[in-house]
Amino acid sequence: MSNHLPETNTCPSCQVGLLRPTRQVYVHLYNGTLVHAPNVPAWRCDVCGASFYDSKTLNRIELLIGDAGPPPNHHLPTPEAPDDRPAHAEEPPEQPDTSQPHPDPL
């Protein structure tokens, strides 16, 4: 994706298609955090599907994010801490009591 639009409506990627105005989801990775903005004005090629955003739109998105960037991604997997619990010895399975003879069935 490019930060600027060409002066013509010809797609700069494939040089064949025409850029058509549309709205789509803008997705970008800022410092390890995935940011998406729905319903963003864009230009999309009708042949190759390449998408372009004009610099004014990108400047507005960056203004909303601010200099500090997006909030940190709290959904990153955390490293597992070592298990500090004492190890439990497995108890042997309970054995049936064989000291009493079983009654004979009828």
C-alpha atoms as a PDB file:
ATOM      1  CA  MET A   1       0.000   0.000   0.000  1.00  0.00           C
ATOM      2  CA  SER A   2       1.202   3.424  -0.776  1.00  0.00           C
ATOM      3  CA  ASN A   3       0.978   6.642   1.202  1.00  0.00           C
ATOM      4  CA  HIS A   4       0.108   8.689  -1.867  1.00  0.00           C
ATOM      5  CA  LEU A   5      -2.285   8.442  -4.754  1.00  0.00           C
ATOM      6  CA  PRO A   6      -1.213   8.652  -8.356  1.00  0.00           C
ATOM      7  CA  GLU A   7      -2.224  11.698 -10.355  1.00  0.00           C
ATOM      8  CA  THR A   8      -4.160   9.506 -12.782  1.00  0.00           C
ATOM      9  CA  ASN A   9      -6.767   6.882 -11.997  1.00  0.00           C
ATOM     10  CA  THR A  10      -4.571   4.139 -13.486  1.00  0.00           C
ATOM     11  CA  CYS A  11      -3.351   1.634 -10.912  1.00  0.00           C
ATOM     12  CA  PRO A  12       0.369   2.096 -10.218  1.00  0.00           C
ATOM     13  CA  SER A  13       0.733  -1.597  -9.317  1.00  0.00           C
ATOM     14  CA  CYS A  14      -0.624  -3.324 -12.430  1.00  0.00           C
ATOM     15  CA  GLN A  15      -0.696  -0.328 -14.831  1.00  0.00           C
ATOM     16  CA  VAL A  16      -3.958  -1.707 -16.262  1.00  0.00           C
ATOM     17  CA  GLY A  17      -6.781  -1.293 -13.780  1.00  0.00           C
ATOM     18  CA  LEU A  18      -8.564   1.832 -12.679  1.00  0.00           C
ATOM     19  CA  LEU A  19      -8.692   3.018  -9.091  1.00  0.00           C
ATOM     20  CA  ARG A  20     -12.201   3.252  -7.719  1.00  0.00           C
ATOM     21  CA  PRO A  21     -13.190   4.999  -4.477  1.00  0.00           C
ATOM     22  CA  THR A  22     -14.308   2.612  -1.755  1.00  0.00           C
ATOM     23  CA  ARG A  23     -14.336   2.162   2.010  1.00  0.00           C
ATOM     24  CA  GLN A  24     -12.485  -0.650   3.716  1.00  0.00           C
ATOM     25  CA  VAL A  25     -10.787  -1.669   6.946  1.00  0.00           C
ATOM     26  CA  TYR A  26      -7.358  -0.106   7.457  1.00  0.00           C
ATOM     27  CA  VAL A  27      -4.990  -2.526   9.200  1.00  0.00           C
ATOM     28  CA  HIS A  28      -1.450  -1.642  10.263  1.00  0.00           C
ATOM     29  CA  LEU A  29       1.095  -2.868  12.796  1.00  0.00           C
ATOM     30  CA  TYR A  30       2.306  -0.041  15.080  1.00  0.00           C
ATOM     31  CA  ASN A  31       5.186  -1.028  17.366  1.00  0.00           C
ATOM     32  CA  GLY A  32       3.981  -4.603  17.650  1.00  0.00           C
ATOM     33  CA  THR A  33       0.312  -3.704  18.179  1.00  0.00           C
ATOM     34  CA  LEU A  34      -2.191  -4.446  15.447  1.00  0.00           C
ATOM     35  CA  VAL A  35      -4.430  -1.445  14.806  1.00  0.00           C
ATOM     36  CA  HIS A  36      -7.479  -1.528  12.577  1.00  0.00           C
ATOM     37  CA  ALA A  37      -9.889   1.201  11.636  1.00  0.00           C
ATOM     38  CA  PRO A  38     -13.147   0.260   9.914  1.00  0.00           C
ATOM     39  CA  ASN A  39     -14.843   2.161   7.115  1.00  0.00           C
ATOM     40  CA  VAL A  40     -11.765   4.122   5.960  1.00  0.00           C
ATOM     41  CA  PRO A  41     -11.919   5.864   2.566  1.00  0.00           C
ATOM     42  CA  ALA A  42      -9.547   4.214   0.100  1.00  0.00           C
ATOM     43  CA  TRP A  43      -8.884   3.607  -3.569  1.00  0.00           C
ATOM     44  CA  ARG A  44      -9.010   0.022  -4.896  1.00  0.00           C
ATOM     45  CA  CYS A  45      -7.901  -1.267  -8.279  1.00  0.00           C
ATOM     46  CA  ASP A  46     -10.661  -2.993 -10.206  1.00  0.00           C
ATOM     47  CA  VAL A  47      -8.177  -5.433 -11.811  1.00  0.00           C
ATOM     48  CA  CYS A  48      -5.469  -6.423  -9.313  1.00  0.00           C
ATOM     49  CA  GLY A  49      -7.258  -5.388  -6.081  1.00  0.00           C
ATOM     50  CA  ALA A  50      -4.387  -3.249  -4.764  1.00  0.00           C
ATOM     51  CA  SER A  51      -5.528  -0.727  -2.160  1.00  0.00           C
ATOM     52  CA  PHE A  52      -4.238   2.802  -1.623  1.00  0.00           C
ATOM     53  CA  TYR A  53      -4.940   5.418   1.027  1.00  0.00           C
ATOM     54  CA  ASP A  54      -4.337   9.104   0.486  1.00  0.00           C
ATOM     55  CA  SER A  55      -1.910  10.887   2.785  1.00  0.00           C
ATOM     56  CA  LYS A  56      -4.674  13.020   4.340  1.00  0.00           C
ATOM     57  CA  THR A  57      -6.493   9.889   5.533  1.00  0.00           C
ATOM     58  CA  LEU A  58      -3.302   8.338   6.915  1.00  0.00           C
ATOM     59  CA  ASN A  59      -2.415  11.577   8.714  1.00  0.00           C
ATOM     60  CA  ARG A  60      -5.815  11.566  10.437  1.00  0.00           C
ATOM     61  CA  ILE A  61      -5.351   7.970  11.587  1.00  0.00           C
ATOM     62  CA  GLU A  62      -1.879   8.737  12.920  1.00  0.00           C
ATOM     63  CA  LEU A  63      -3.237  11.833  14.653  1.00  0.00           C
ATOM     64  CA  LEU A  64      -5.837   9.672  16.423  1.00  0.00           C
ATOM     65  CA  ILE A  65      -3.150   7.218  17.520  1.00  0.00           C
ATOM     66  CA  GLY A  66      -0.922  10.055  18.738  1.00  0.00           C
ATOM     67  CA  ASP A  67       2.792  10.274  19.401  1.00  0.00           C
ATOM     68  CA  ALA A  68       2.695   7.663  22.147  1.00  0.00           C
ATOM     69  CA  GLY A  69       1.270   5.113  19.741  1.00  0.00           C
ATOM     70  CA  PRO A  70      -1.538   2.699  20.405  1.00  0.00           C
ATOM     71  CA  PRO A  71      -2.056   1.191  23.836  1.00  0.00           C
ATOM     72  CA  PRO A  72       0.062  -1.886  24.474  1.00  0.00           C
ATOM     73  CA  ASN A  73      -1.268  -5.193  23.306  1.00  0.00           C
ATOM     74  CA  HIS A  74      -2.427  -6.959  26.474  1.00  0.00           C
ATOM     75  CA  HIS A  75      -3.280 -10.113  24.587  1.00  0.00           C
ATOM     76  CA  LEU A  76       0.280 -11.277  24.053  1.00  0.00           C
ATOM     77  CA  PRO A  77       1.005 -14.690  25.497  1.00  0.00           C
ATOM     78  CA  THR A  78       2.903 -14.435  28.753  1.00  0.00           C
ATOM     79  CA  PRO A  79       5.854 -16.723  29.394  1.00  0.00           C
ATOM     80  CA  GLU A  80       4.982 -19.527  31.743  1.00  0.00           C
ATOM     81  CA  ALA A  81       6.436 -19.177  35.239  1.00  0.00           C
ATOM     82  CA  PRO A  82       8.262 -22.165  36.682  1.00  0.00           C
ATOM     83  CA  ASP A  83       6.054 -24.373  38.787  1.00  0.00           C
ATOM     84  CA  ASP A  84       6.864 -23.491  42.417  1.00  0.00           C
ATOM     85  CA  ARG A  85       4.423 -25.965  43.898  1.00  0.00           C
ATOM     86  CA  PRO A  86       5.915 -28.997  45.674  1.00  0.00           C
ATOM     87  CA  ALA A  87       5.836 -32.183  43.709  1.00  0.00           C
ATOM     88  CA  HIS A  88       3.149 -34.581  44.865  1.00  0.00           C
ATOM     89  CA  ALA A  89       4.052 -38.233  45.109  1.00  0.00           C
ATOM     90  CA  GLU A  90       1.459 -40.348  43.453  1.00  0.00           C
ATOM     91  CA  GLU A  91      -0.324 -42.568  45.880  1.00  0.00           C
ATOM     92  CA  PRO A  92      -0.556 -46.191  44.801  1.00  0.00           C
ATOM     93  CA  PRO A  93      -4.018 -47.311  43.779  1.00  0.00           C
ATOM     94  CA  GLU A  94      -6.073 -48.769  46.586  1.00  0.00           C
ATOM     95  CA  GLN A  95      -5.861 -52.579  46.729  1.00  0.00           C
ATOM     96  CA  PRO A  96      -8.962 -54.632  47.548  1.00  0.00           C
ATOM     97  CA  ASP A  97      -9.055 -56.212  51.015  1.00  0.00           C
ATOM     98  CA  THR A  98      -8.237 -59.903  50.560  1.00  0.00           C
ATOM     99  CA  SER A  99      -8.183 -60.860  54.254  1.00  0.00           C
ATOM    100  CA  GLN A 100     -11.906 -61.755  54.294  1.00  0.00           C
ATOM    101  CA  PRO A 101     -13.060 -64.590  52.010  1.00  0.00           C
ATOM    102  CA  HIS A 102     -15.744 -63.643  49.560  1.00  0.00           C
ATOM    103  CA  PRO A 103     -19.106 -65.384  50.056  1.00  0.00           C
ATOM    104  CA  ASP A 104     -19.888 -67.968  47.448  1.00  0.00           C
ATOM    105  CA  PRO A 105     -22.618 -67.030  45.071  1.00  0.00           C
ATOM    106  CA  LEU A 106     -25.703 -69.229  45.075  1.00  0.00           C
END
